[in-house]
Amino acid sequence: MVYGANGYSGSLLARLAAARGERPVLAGRSTAVAGIAEPLGLPHRSFPLTAPDLSGVSAVVNCAGPFAATARPLVEACLAAGVHYLDITGELDVFDWMLAQSPRAAAAGVVLLTGAGFDVVPTDCLAAMLTAAMPGAVRLELAFDAPGGLSRGTARTSLAEAASGARRRVDGRLVETPFGTPSRTVPFPSGPRPVGATRWGDLVTAYHSTGVPDITVYMRLPRNAASPLVRLLRLAPLRAVARALIPAGGPSETRRATTGCEVWGEVTDASGATLTATLTGPNAYALTADASLRAVQAVLAGGIPPGTHTPATALGPAFVQTLDGVAVTPPH
């Protein structure tokens, strides 16, 4: 089942699945899901999150944000029904909650695979590659640039993230830092660019995948990131107005086809030695559809131990290299 199939990411996943010969059930809270399913010849159903209908389903891929609202009821329904669960979240609190459910999932024989899209497949796998090459790493830094545009759901989540400031992991603890601070220049494959600290999911997922105690994740910052208006977004009424102004939809097919993403990572050990690695890939939304489809196929094929997983712990660091259009420069 693709839940949230009438949203931007969910509809991309549904279309890709159909093109590859899969027949998922398309689902959502709105009857609008029929408009996606019927042209593809796929079954569909609508239900409230208070009563998920998982009959006949072996796995659910949750594409409906905000995941703080959708993950818990769907996971509870999956645990009760013995159904595997995947999502494409990047929300730190959701990752924390999901990892805390691992003993329950193991007892139920259910795989919970969180962050199975651009949040956080490329960064999680790159982090795992780096720490496998440097097992004594004490610091991990990751940076990404994905200039291919945002869907409404991602834009709304990003709005809240910017308003809340950034985070870092220091000595194993999450600490607050101003959005964009610290900053540095990163040598992406296409050239060096300035980046600043953000609240990316690897602050939770890479910590779980690698155990490295100090983690900072950077992103390419918009020109107005330091504007006082960003700080004003902490005020809920102004944030609500900004959310309402974000248009529906997301990047066009042309833009998806003509943009890509880049990821850079570096680990450092106690002696100060470093290793770096980089990754290039397609548009973040194209990568999300491909990664989440391959991930659910892997879960259904069996062999992944029940419990909560990140992409790297479930599928291995090399999983990202199986995705269309992805190339990795290994640790060096």
C-alpha atoms as a PDB file:
ATOM      1  CA  MET A   1       0.000   0.000   0.000  1.00  0.00           C
ATOM      2  CA  VAL A   2       1.132   3.522  -0.847  1.00  0.00           C
ATOM      3  CA  TYR A   3      -0.448   5.789   1.746  1.00  0.00           C
ATOM      4  CA  GLY A   4      -0.660   9.448   0.737  1.00  0.00           C
ATOM      5  CA  ALA A   5      -0.779   8.458  -2.927  1.00  0.00           C
ATOM      6  CA  ASN A   6      -2.620  11.645  -3.881  1.00  0.00           C
ATOM      7  CA  GLY A   7       0.277  13.767  -2.566  1.00  0.00           C
ATOM      8  CA  TYR A   8       3.253  14.774  -4.662  1.00  0.00           C
ATOM      9  CA  SER A   9       5.768  12.124  -3.521  1.00  0.00           C
ATOM     10  CA  GLY A  10       3.105   9.447  -3.137  1.00  0.00           C
ATOM     11  CA  SER A  11       1.842   9.945  -6.675  1.00  0.00           C
ATOM     12  CA  LEU A  12       5.388   9.698  -8.064  1.00  0.00           C
ATOM     13  CA  LEU A  13       5.891   6.434  -6.196  1.00  0.00           C
ATOM     14  CA  ALA A  14       2.534   5.089  -7.404  1.00  0.00           C
ATOM     15  CA  ARG A  15       3.320   5.864 -11.040  1.00  0.00           C
ATOM     16  CA  LEU A  16       6.808   4.387 -10.817  1.00  0.00           C
ATOM     17  CA  ALA A  17       5.489   1.231  -9.170  1.00  0.00           C
ATOM     18  CA  ALA A  18       2.877   0.792 -11.904  1.00  0.00           C
ATOM     19  CA  ALA A  19       5.506   1.381 -14.601  1.00  0.00           C
ATOM     20  CA  ARG A  20       7.641  -1.389 -13.078  1.00  0.00           C
ATOM     21  CA  GLY A  21       4.789  -3.855 -13.027  1.00  0.00           C
ATOM     22  CA  GLU A  22       3.765  -3.558  -9.368  1.00  0.00           C
ATOM     23  CA  ARG A  23       0.136  -3.269  -8.267  1.00  0.00           C
ATOM     24  CA  PRO A  24       0.073  -1.442  -4.931  1.00  0.00           C
ATOM     25  CA  VAL A  25      -3.138  -0.381  -3.245  1.00  0.00           C
ATOM     26  CA  LEU A  26      -3.250   3.414  -3.329  1.00  0.00           C
ATOM     27  CA  ALA A  27      -4.668   4.977  -0.195  1.00  0.00           C
ATOM     28  CA  GLY A  28      -5.169   8.257   1.601  1.00  0.00           C
ATOM     29  CA  ARG A  29      -7.485  10.248   3.789  1.00  0.00           C
ATOM     30  CA  SER A  30      -9.115  11.871   0.765  1.00  0.00           C
ATOM     31  CA  THR A  31     -11.236  10.286  -1.960  1.00  0.00           C
ATOM     32  CA  ALA A  32      -8.983  12.226  -4.358  1.00  0.00           C
ATOM     33  CA  VAL A  33      -6.727   9.162  -4.319  1.00  0.00           C
ATOM     34  CA  ALA A  34      -9.111   7.630  -6.873  1.00  0.00           C
ATOM     35  CA  GLY A  35      -7.930  10.220  -9.392  1.00  0.00           C
ATOM     36  CA  ILE A  36      -4.404   8.791  -9.173  1.00  0.00           C
ATOM     37  CA  ALA A  37      -5.358   5.121  -8.996  1.00  0.00           C
ATOM     38  CA  GLU A  38      -7.977   4.784 -11.731  1.00  0.00           C
ATOM     39  CA  PRO A  39      -5.819   5.981 -14.683  1.00  0.00           C
ATOM     40  CA  LEU A  40      -3.157   3.487 -13.533  1.00  0.00           C
ATOM     41  CA  GLY A  41      -5.650   0.656 -13.147  1.00  0.00           C
ATOM     42  CA  LEU A  42      -4.711   0.258  -9.482  1.00  0.00           C
ATOM     43  CA  PRO A  43      -6.950  -0.533  -6.506  1.00  0.00           C
ATOM     44  CA  HIS A  44      -7.573   2.263  -4.050  1.00  0.00           C
ATOM     45  CA  ARG A  45      -9.209   2.973  -0.724  1.00  0.00           C
ATOM     46  CA  SER A  46      -9.802   5.975   1.529  1.00  0.00           C
ATOM     47  CA  PHE A  47      -9.894   5.867   5.302  1.00  0.00           C
ATOM     48  CA  PRO A  48      -9.337   8.108   8.312  1.00  0.00           C
ATOM     49  CA  LEU A  49      -6.155   7.660  10.300  1.00  0.00           C
ATOM     50  CA  THR A  50      -8.307   6.697  13.259  1.00  0.00           C
ATOM     51  CA  ALA A  51      -9.278   3.491  11.430  1.00  0.00           C
ATOM     52  CA  PRO A  52      -6.634   2.392   8.863  1.00  0.00           C
ATOM     53  CA  ASP A  53      -7.855  -0.343   6.507  1.00  0.00           C
ATOM     54  CA  LEU A  54      -4.869  -2.662   5.964  1.00  0.00           C
ATOM     55  CA  SER A  55      -6.812  -5.737   4.901  1.00  0.00           C
ATOM     56  CA  GLY A  56      -4.903  -7.825   2.350  1.00  0.00           C
ATOM     57  CA  VAL A  57      -1.802  -5.631   2.653  1.00  0.00           C
ATOM     58  CA  SER A  58       1.704  -6.920   3.494  1.00  0.00           C
ATOM     59  CA  ALA A  59       3.520  -3.571   3.691  1.00  0.00           C
ATOM     60  CA  VAL A  60       2.661   0.132   3.840  1.00  0.00           C
ATOM     61  CA  VAL A  61       4.826   2.929   2.447  1.00  0.00           C
ATOM     62  CA  ASN A  62       3.766   6.140   4.172  1.00  0.00           C
ATOM     63  CA  CYS A  63       4.262   9.193   1.933  1.00  0.00           C
ATOM     64  CA  ALA A  64       1.870  11.494   3.794  1.00  0.00           C
ATOM     65  CA  GLY A  65       3.327  14.303   5.846  1.00  0.00           C
ATOM     66  CA  PRO A  66       3.548  15.772   8.301  1.00  0.00           C
ATOM     67  CA  PHE A  67       4.739  12.419   9.588  1.00  0.00           C
ATOM     68  CA  ALA A  68       4.363  13.618  13.166  1.00  0.00           C
ATOM     69  CA  ALA A  69       0.623  13.253  12.486  1.00  0.00           C
ATOM     70  CA  THR A  70       0.568  10.155  10.261  1.00  0.00           C
ATOM     71  CA  ALA A  71       3.394   7.867  11.408  1.00  0.00           C
ATOM     72  CA  ARG A  72       2.076   6.911  14.841  1.00  0.00           C
ATOM     73  CA  PRO A  73      -1.455   5.778  13.850  1.00  0.00           C
ATOM     74  CA  LEU A  74      -0.166   3.892  10.807  1.00  0.00           C
ATOM     75  CA  VAL A  75       2.614   2.194  12.778  1.00  0.00           C
ATOM     76  CA  GLU A  76       0.164   1.193  15.499  1.00  0.00           C
ATOM     77  CA  ALA A  77      -2.143  -0.306  12.858  1.00  0.00           C
ATOM     78  CA  CYS A  78       0.781  -2.114  11.211  1.00  0.00           C
ATOM     79  CA  LEU A  79       1.987  -3.586  14.501  1.00  0.00           C
ATOM     80  CA  ALA A  80      -1.515  -4.793  15.308  1.00  0.00           C
ATOM     81  CA  ALA A  81      -1.963  -6.349  11.852  1.00  0.00           C
ATOM     82  CA  GLY A  82       1.564  -7.753  11.381  1.00  0.00           C
ATOM     83  CA  VAL A  83       2.179  -5.457   8.382  1.00  0.00           C
ATOM     84  CA  HIS A  84       5.611  -4.010   7.529  1.00  0.00           C
ATOM     85  CA  TYR A  85       5.900  -0.202   7.549  1.00  0.00           C
ATOM     86  CA  LEU A  86       8.147   2.181   5.619  1.00  0.00           C
ATOM     87  CA  ASP A  87       8.112   5.964   5.335  1.00  0.00           C
ATOM     88  CA  ILE A  88       9.985   8.818   3.679  1.00  0.00           C
ATOM     89  CA  THR A  89      10.104  11.149   6.674  1.00  0.00           C
ATOM     90  CA  GLY A  90      12.937  13.457   7.624  1.00  0.00           C
ATOM     91  CA  GLU A  91      11.447  14.633  10.926  1.00  0.00           C
ATOM     92  CA  LEU A  92      13.781  14.149  13.890  1.00  0.00           C
ATOM     93  CA  ASP A  93      11.073  13.510  16.464  1.00  0.00           C
ATOM     94  CA  VAL A  94       9.507  10.874  14.216  1.00  0.00           C
ATOM     95  CA  PHE A  95      12.856   9.095  13.822  1.00  0.00           C
ATOM     96  CA  ASP A  96      13.299   9.083  17.598  1.00  0.00           C
ATOM     97  CA  TRP A  97       9.812   7.680  18.165  1.00  0.00           C
ATOM     98  CA  MET A  98      10.231   5.065  15.439  1.00  0.00           C
ATOM     99  CA  LEU A  99      13.514   3.792  16.898  1.00  0.00           C
ATOM    100  CA  ALA A 100      11.872   3.510  20.306  1.00  0.00           C
ATOM    101  CA  GLN A 101       9.295   1.129  18.804  1.00  0.00           C
ATOM    102  CA  SER A 102      11.942  -1.412  17.754  1.00  0.00           C
ATOM    103  CA  PRO A 103      11.282  -3.912  20.584  1.00  0.00           C
ATOM    104  CA  ARG A 104       7.538  -3.871  19.846  1.00  0.00           C
ATOM    105  CA  ALA A 105       8.177  -4.356  16.128  1.00  0.00           C
ATOM    106  CA  ALA A 106      10.577  -7.230  16.785  1.00  0.00           C
ATOM    107  CA  ALA A 107       7.987  -8.915  19.010  1.00  0.00           C
ATOM    108  CA  ALA A 108       5.340  -8.478  16.284  1.00  0.00           C
ATOM    109  CA  GLY A 109       7.631  -9.766  13.501  1.00  0.00           C
ATOM    110  CA  VAL A 110       7.338  -6.412  11.716  1.00  0.00           C
ATOM    111  CA  VAL A 111      10.020  -4.375   9.919  1.00  0.00           C
ATOM    112  CA  LEU A 112       9.805  -0.611  10.470  1.00  0.00           C
ATOM    113  CA  LEU A 113      12.057   1.112   7.912  1.00  0.00           C
ATOM    114  CA  THR A 114      12.088   4.866   8.364  1.00  0.00           C
ATOM    115  CA  GLY A 115      13.608   7.496   6.066  1.00  0.00           C
ATOM    116  CA  ALA A 116      13.404   5.404   2.890  1.00  0.00           C
ATOM    117  CA  GLY A 117      13.657   8.370   0.501  1.00  0.00           C
ATOM    118  CA  PHE A 118      15.982  11.313  -0.060  1.00  0.00           C
ATOM    119  CA  ASP A 119      15.475  11.680   3.637  1.00  0.00           C
ATOM    120  CA  VAL A 120      17.785   9.852   4.366  1.00  0.00           C
ATOM    121  CA  VAL A 121      18.944   7.100   2.016  1.00  0.00           C
ATOM    122  CA  PRO A 122      21.932   8.872   0.367  1.00  0.00           C
ATOM    123  CA  THR A 123      23.297  10.447   3.547  1.00  0.00           C
ATOM    124  CA  ASP A 124      22.700   7.371   5.724  1.00  0.00           C
ATOM    125  CA  CYS A 125      24.404   5.047   3.257  1.00  0.00           C
ATOM    126  CA  LEU A 126      27.324   7.438   2.708  1.00  0.00           C
ATOM    127  CA  ALA A 127      27.768   7.807   6.474  1.00  0.00           C
ATOM    128  CA  ALA A 128      27.810   4.023   6.882  1.00  0.00           C
ATOM    129  CA  MET A 129      30.387   3.657   4.082  1.00  0.00           C
ATOM    130  CA  LEU A 130      32.643   6.226   5.728  1.00  0.00           C
ATOM    131  CA  THR A 131      32.498   4.704   9.193  1.00  0.00           C
ATOM    132  CA  ALA A 132      33.063   1.212   7.790  1.00  0.00           C
ATOM    133  CA  ALA A 133      36.282   2.588   6.276  1.00  0.00           C
ATOM    134  CA  MET A 134      37.173   4.387   9.541  1.00  0.00           C
ATOM    135  CA  PRO A 135      35.718   2.364  12.443  1.00  0.00           C
ATOM    136  CA  GLY A 136      37.282   4.719  15.021  1.00  0.00           C
ATOM    137  CA  ALA A 137      35.572   7.856  13.710  1.00  0.00           C
ATOM    138  CA  VAL A 138      34.564  10.346  16.405  1.00  0.00           C
ATOM    139  CA  ARG A 139      33.155  13.076  14.148  1.00  0.00           C
ATOM    140  CA  LEU A 140      30.884  12.855  11.111  1.00  0.00           C
ATOM    141  CA  GLU A 141      30.002  15.769   8.858  1.00  0.00           C
ATOM    142  CA  LEU A 142      27.528  15.496   6.004  1.00  0.00           C
ATOM    143  CA  ALA A 143      26.368  18.066   3.472  1.00  0.00           C
ATOM    144  CA  PHE A 144      23.852  17.979   0.649  1.00  0.00           C
ATOM    145  CA  ASP A 145      22.651  20.164  -2.173  1.00  0.00           C
ATOM    146  CA  ALA A 146      19.360  19.363  -3.906  1.00  0.00           C
ATOM    147  CA  PRO A 147      18.358  22.391  -5.977  1.00  0.00           C
ATOM    148  CA  GLY A 148      15.540  20.736  -7.920  1.00  0.00           C
ATOM    149  CA  GLY A 149      12.631  22.445  -6.156  1.00  0.00           C
ATOM    150  CA  LEU A 150      10.250  21.536  -3.335  1.00  0.00           C
ATOM    151  CA  SER A 151       6.825  19.995  -3.087  1.00  0.00           C
ATOM    152  CA  ARG A 152       4.247  21.766  -0.907  1.00  0.00           C
ATOM    153  CA  GLY A 153       4.688  19.157   1.841  1.00  0.00           C
ATOM    154  CA  THR A 154       8.474  19.520   1.874  1.00  0.00           C
ATOM    155  CA  ALA A 155       8.231  23.314   1.749  1.00  0.00           C
ATOM    156  CA  ARG A 156       5.894  23.345   4.752  1.00  0.00           C
ATOM    157  CA  THR A 157       8.160  21.023   6.725  1.00  0.00           C
ATOM    158  CA  SER A 158      11.201  23.131   5.756  1.00  0.00           C
ATOM    159  CA  LEU A 159       9.385  26.258   6.928  1.00  0.00           C
ATOM    160  CA  ALA A 160       8.904  24.759  10.377  1.00  0.00           C
ATOM    161  CA  GLU A 161      12.491  23.478  10.435  1.00  0.00           C
ATOM    162  CA  ALA A 162      13.932  26.910   9.601  1.00  0.00           C
ATOM    163  CA  ALA A 163      11.758  28.540  12.254  1.00  0.00           C
ATOM    164  CA  SER A 164      12.931  26.031  14.874  1.00  0.00           C
ATOM    165  CA  GLY A 165      16.624  26.534  14.190  1.00  0.00           C
ATOM    166  CA  ALA A 166      19.248  23.877  13.524  1.00  0.00           C
ATOM    167  CA  ARG A 167      20.578  20.993  15.602  1.00  0.00           C
ATOM    168  CA  ARG A 168      23.924  19.246  16.027  1.00  0.00           C
ATOM    169  CA  ARG A 169      24.875  16.089  17.861  1.00  0.00           C
ATOM    170  CA  VAL A 170      27.659  16.703  20.373  1.00  0.00           C
ATOM    171  CA  ASP A 171      28.980  13.915  22.615  1.00  0.00           C
ATOM    172  CA  GLY A 172      25.915  11.888  21.678  1.00  0.00           C
ATOM    173  CA  ARG A 173      23.385  14.619  22.612  1.00  0.00           C
ATOM    174  CA  LEU A 174      21.286  16.789  20.329  1.00  0.00           C
ATOM    175  CA  VAL A 175      21.993  20.475  20.939  1.00  0.00           C
ATOM    176  CA  GLU A 176      20.370  23.570  19.452  1.00  0.00           C
ATOM    177  CA  THR A 177      22.240  25.907  17.146  1.00  0.00           C
ATOM    178  CA  PRO A 178      21.027  28.848  15.021  1.00  0.00           C
ATOM    179  CA  PHE A 179      19.840  27.837  11.563  1.00  0.00           C
ATOM    180  CA  GLY A 180      22.897  27.880   9.276  1.00  0.00           C
ATOM    181  CA  THR A 181      25.444  27.876  12.130  1.00  0.00           C
ATOM    182  CA  PRO A 182      28.127  26.592  11.958  1.00  0.00           C
ATOM    183  CA  SER A 183      28.920  27.061   8.299  1.00  0.00           C
ATOM    184  CA  ARG A 184      31.715  25.948   6.028  1.00  0.00           C
ATOM    185  CA  THR A 185      32.624  25.498   2.377  1.00  0.00           C
ATOM    186  CA  VAL A 186      32.231  21.956   1.063  1.00  0.00           C
ATOM    187  CA  PRO A 187      33.921  20.459  -2.034  1.00  0.00           C
ATOM    188  CA  PHE A 188      30.893  18.968  -3.787  1.00  0.00           C
ATOM    189  CA  PRO A 189      31.624  16.998  -6.973  1.00  0.00           C
ATOM    190  CA  SER A 190      30.528  19.957  -9.117  1.00  0.00           C
ATOM    191  CA  GLY A 191      32.594  22.449  -7.114  1.00  0.00           C
ATOM    192  CA  PRO A 192      32.956  24.081  -3.695  1.00  0.00           C
ATOM    193  CA  ARG A 193      29.912  25.786  -2.180  1.00  0.00           C
ATOM    194  CA  PRO A 194      29.079  27.343   1.201  1.00  0.00           C
ATOM    195  CA  VAL A 195      26.717  25.382   3.456  1.00  0.00           C
ATOM    196  CA  GLY A 196      25.222  25.844   6.914  1.00  0.00           C
ATOM    197  CA  ALA A 197      23.957  23.562   9.670  1.00  0.00           C
ATOM    198  CA  THR A 198      20.391  22.267   9.468  1.00  0.00           C
ATOM    199  CA  ARG A 199      18.063  19.729  11.170  1.00  0.00           C
ATOM    200  CA  TRP A 200      18.566  16.795   8.788  1.00  0.00           C
ATOM    201  CA  GLY A 201      17.444  13.334   9.800  1.00  0.00           C
ATOM    202  CA  ASP A 202      20.972  11.935  10.071  1.00  0.00           C
ATOM    203  CA  LEU A 203      21.324  13.634  13.430  1.00  0.00           C
ATOM    204  CA  VAL A 204      19.198  10.691  14.580  1.00  0.00           C
ATOM    205  CA  THR A 205      19.546   8.079  11.836  1.00  0.00           C
ATOM    206  CA  ALA A 206      23.307   8.309  11.253  1.00  0.00           C
ATOM    207  CA  TYR A 207      23.866   8.268  15.005  1.00  0.00           C
ATOM    208  CA  HIS A 208      21.861   5.037  15.132  1.00  0.00           C
ATOM    209  CA  SER A 209      23.582   3.610  12.026  1.00  0.00           C
ATOM    210  CA  THR A 210      27.163   4.535  12.946  1.00  0.00           C
ATOM    211  CA  GLY A 211      27.374   5.370  16.658  1.00  0.00           C
ATOM    212  CA  VAL A 212      29.570   8.411  15.913  1.00  0.00           C
ATOM    213  CA  PRO A 213      29.064  10.837  18.831  1.00  0.00           C
ATOM    214  CA  ASP A 214      29.575  14.176  17.029  1.00  0.00           C
ATOM    215  CA  ILE A 215      27.474  14.785  13.908  1.00  0.00           C
ATOM    216  CA  THR A 216      26.766  17.959  11.939  1.00  0.00           C
ATOM    217  CA  VAL A 217      24.650  18.033   8.792  1.00  0.00           C
ATOM    218  CA  TYR A 218      24.841  20.967   6.398  1.00  0.00           C
ATOM    219  CA  MET A 219      22.731  22.130   3.480  1.00  0.00           C
ATOM    220  CA  ARG A 220      23.090  24.714   0.764  1.00  0.00           C
ATOM    221  CA  LEU A 221      21.392  27.732   2.312  1.00  0.00           C
ATOM    222  CA  PRO A 222      18.994  30.084   0.528  1.00  0.00           C
ATOM    223  CA  ARG A 223      20.217  33.654   0.146  1.00  0.00           C
ATOM    224  CA  ASN A 224      17.726  34.922   2.723  1.00  0.00           C
ATOM    225  CA  ALA A 225      18.498  32.299   5.395  1.00  0.00           C
ATOM    226  CA  ALA A 226      19.931  34.925   7.758  1.00  0.00           C
ATOM    227  CA  SER A 227      17.006  37.294   7.303  1.00  0.00           C
ATOM    228  CA  PRO A 228      15.173  38.461  10.464  1.00  0.00           C
ATOM    229  CA  LEU A 229      12.017  37.192   8.716  1.00  0.00           C
ATOM    230  CA  VAL A 230      13.224  33.630   9.289  1.00  0.00           C
ATOM    231  CA  ARG A 231      13.374  34.285  13.026  1.00  0.00           C
ATOM    232  CA  LEU A 232       9.877  35.789  12.881  1.00  0.00           C
ATOM    233  CA  LEU A 233       8.614  32.439  11.612  1.00  0.00           C
ATOM    234  CA  ARG A 234       8.899  31.226  15.212  1.00  0.00           C
ATOM    235  CA  LEU A 235       5.617  33.095  15.701  1.00  0.00           C
ATOM    236  CA  ALA A 236       2.810  30.626  14.966  1.00  0.00           C
ATOM    237  CA  PRO A 237       0.398  33.133  13.321  1.00  0.00           C
ATOM    238  CA  LEU A 238       3.050  34.297  10.840  1.00  0.00           C
ATOM    239  CA  ARG A 239       4.087  30.716  10.157  1.00  0.00           C
ATOM    240  CA  ALA A 240       0.455  29.791   9.451  1.00  0.00           C
ATOM    241  CA  VAL A 241       0.190  32.623   6.917  1.00  0.00           C
ATOM    242  CA  ALA A 242       3.408  31.531   5.210  1.00  0.00           C
ATOM    243  CA  ARG A 243       2.191  27.908   5.079  1.00  0.00           C
ATOM    244  CA  ALA A 244      -1.059  28.983   3.451  1.00  0.00           C
ATOM    245  CA  LEU A 245       0.830  30.826   0.711  1.00  0.00           C
ATOM    246  CA  ILE A 246       2.785  27.732  -0.406  1.00  0.00           C
ATOM    247  CA  PRO A 247       1.232  26.445  -3.649  1.00  0.00           C
ATOM    248  CA  ALA A 248       0.203  22.831  -4.207  1.00  0.00           C
ATOM    249  CA  GLY A 249       2.240  20.449  -6.341  1.00  0.00           C
ATOM    250  CA  GLY A 250       5.986  20.274  -6.780  1.00  0.00           C
ATOM    251  CA  PRO A 251       8.751  20.306  -9.396  1.00  0.00           C
ATOM    252  CA  SER A 252       7.586  19.650 -12.947  1.00  0.00           C
ATOM    253  CA  GLU A 253       8.621  16.549 -14.861  1.00  0.00           C
ATOM    254  CA  THR A 254      11.026  18.696 -16.880  1.00  0.00           C
ATOM    255  CA  ARG A 255      12.633  20.111 -13.767  1.00  0.00           C
ATOM    256  CA  ARG A 256      12.953  16.678 -12.189  1.00  0.00           C
ATOM    257  CA  ALA A 257      14.641  15.413 -15.350  1.00  0.00           C
ATOM    258  CA  THR A 258      17.113  18.299 -15.509  1.00  0.00           C
ATOM    259  CA  THR A 259      18.194  18.612 -11.862  1.00  0.00           C
ATOM    260  CA  GLY A 260      20.077  16.355  -9.484  1.00  0.00           C
ATOM    261  CA  CYS A 261      21.504  16.111  -5.994  1.00  0.00           C
ATOM    262  CA  GLU A 262      24.953  15.969  -4.450  1.00  0.00           C
ATOM    263  CA  VAL A 263      26.075  14.660  -1.061  1.00  0.00           C
ATOM    264  CA  TRP A 264      29.459  15.048   0.648  1.00  0.00           C
ATOM    265  CA  GLY A 265      30.625  13.318   3.810  1.00  0.00           C
ATOM    266  CA  GLU A 266      33.694  13.359   6.020  1.00  0.00           C
ATOM    267  CA  VAL A 267      34.720  11.372   9.099  1.00  0.00           C
ATOM    268  CA  THR A 268      37.519  12.208  11.517  1.00  0.00           C
ATOM    269  CA  ASP A 269      39.169   9.962  14.104  1.00  0.00           C
ATOM    270  CA  ALA A 270      40.718  10.874  17.444  1.00  0.00           C
ATOM    271  CA  SER A 271      44.119  11.479  15.835  1.00  0.00           C
ATOM    272  CA  GLY A 272      42.666  14.016  13.384  1.00  0.00           C
ATOM    273  CA  ALA A 273      42.891  11.755  10.324  1.00  0.00           C
ATOM    274  CA  THR A 274      40.021  12.194   7.862  1.00  0.00           C
ATOM    275  CA  LEU A 275      38.268  10.313   5.074  1.00  0.00           C
ATOM    276  CA  THR A 276      35.808  11.851   2.615  1.00  0.00           C
ATOM    277  CA  ALA A 277      33.305  10.477   0.118  1.00  0.00           C
ATOM    278  CA  THR A 278      30.805  12.001  -2.285  1.00  0.00           C
ATOM    279  CA  LEU A 279      27.644  11.007  -4.108  1.00  0.00           C
ATOM    280  CA  THR A 280      25.755  12.352  -7.082  1.00  0.00           C
ATOM    281  CA  GLY A 281      22.228  11.375  -7.988  1.00  0.00           C
ATOM    282  CA  PRO A 282      19.017  12.375  -9.749  1.00  0.00           C
ATOM    283  CA  ASN A 283      16.433  14.871  -8.558  1.00  0.00           C
ATOM    284  CA  ALA A 284      15.603  14.246  -4.892  1.00  0.00           C
ATOM    285  CA  TYR A 285      11.968  13.327  -5.632  1.00  0.00           C
ATOM    286  CA  ALA A 286      12.936  10.891  -8.381  1.00  0.00           C
ATOM    287  CA  LEU A 287      15.437   9.325  -6.002  1.00  0.00           C
ATOM    288  CA  THR A 288      12.783   9.091  -3.276  1.00  0.00           C
ATOM    289  CA  ALA A 289      10.369   7.209  -5.530  1.00  0.00           C
ATOM    290  CA  ASP A 290      13.065   4.805  -6.723  1.00  0.00           C
ATOM    291  CA  ALA A 291      14.533   4.229  -3.254  1.00  0.00           C
ATOM    292  CA  SER A 292      11.223   3.675  -1.467  1.00  0.00           C
ATOM    293  CA  LEU A 293      10.009   1.262  -4.157  1.00  0.00           C
ATOM    294  CA  ARG A 294      13.227  -0.783  -4.055  1.00  0.00           C
ATOM    295  CA  ALA A 295      13.174  -0.691  -0.256  1.00  0.00           C
ATOM    296  CA  VAL A 296       9.650  -2.095   0.028  1.00  0.00           C
ATOM    297  CA  GLN A 297      10.522  -4.789  -2.502  1.00  0.00           C
ATOM    298  CA  ALA A 298      13.528  -5.740  -0.341  1.00  0.00           C
ATOM    299  CA  VAL A 299      11.409  -5.821   2.810  1.00  0.00           C
ATOM    300  CA  LEU A 300       8.804  -8.046   1.156  1.00  0.00           C
ATOM    301  CA  ALA A 301      11.536 -10.365  -0.150  1.00  0.00           C
ATOM    302  CA  GLY A 302      12.432 -11.185   3.463  1.00  0.00           C
ATOM    303  CA  GLY A 303      15.731 -11.455   5.253  1.00  0.00           C
ATOM    304  CA  ILE A 304      15.567  -8.140   7.154  1.00  0.00           C
ATOM    305  CA  PRO A 305      15.270  -8.762  10.902  1.00  0.00           C
ATOM    306  CA  PRO A 306      12.088  -7.409  12.496  1.00  0.00           C
ATOM    307  CA  GLY A 307      12.487  -4.151  14.388  1.00  0.00           C
ATOM    308  CA  THR A 308      13.179  -0.540  13.456  1.00  0.00           C
ATOM    309  CA  HIS A 309      15.821   0.159  10.828  1.00  0.00           C
ATOM    310  CA  THR A 310      17.424   3.019   8.972  1.00  0.00           C
ATOM    311  CA  PRO A 311      18.096   2.420   5.264  1.00  0.00           C
ATOM    312  CA  ALA A 312      21.733   1.485   5.904  1.00  0.00           C
ATOM    313  CA  THR A 313      20.999  -0.930   8.757  1.00  0.00           C
ATOM    314  CA  ALA A 314      18.206  -2.641   6.809  1.00  0.00           C
ATOM    315  CA  LEU A 315      19.621  -2.671   3.296  1.00  0.00           C
ATOM    316  CA  GLY A 316      23.350  -2.077   3.699  1.00  0.00           C
ATOM    317  CA  PRO A 317      25.502   0.941   2.766  1.00  0.00           C
ATOM    318  CA  ALA A 318      25.731  -0.201  -0.877  1.00  0.00           C
ATOM    319  CA  PHE A 319      21.939   0.034  -1.312  1.00  0.00           C
ATOM    320  CA  VAL A 320      22.226   3.610  -2.541  1.00  0.00           C
ATOM    321  CA  GLN A 321      24.439   2.448  -5.419  1.00  0.00           C
ATOM    322  CA  THR A 322      21.603   0.276  -6.773  1.00  0.00           C
ATOM    323  CA  LEU A 323      19.457   3.366  -7.392  1.00  0.00           C
ATOM    324  CA  ASP A 324      19.025   4.816 -10.878  1.00  0.00           C
ATOM    325  CA  GLY A 325      21.509   7.572 -11.691  1.00  0.00           C
ATOM    326  CA  VAL A 326      23.497   7.370  -8.445  1.00  0.00           C
ATOM    327  CA  ALA A 327      27.308   7.402  -8.477  1.00  0.00           C
ATOM    328  CA  VAL A 328      29.540   7.250  -5.412  1.00  0.00           C
ATOM    329  CA  THR A 329      33.158   8.287  -4.991  1.00  0.00           C
ATOM    330  CA  PRO A 330      34.260   5.894  -2.215  1.00  0.00           C
ATOM    331  CA  PRO A 331      36.053   6.967   0.986  1.00  0.00           C
ATOM    332  CA  HIS A 332      39.553   8.273   0.377  1.00  0.00           C
END
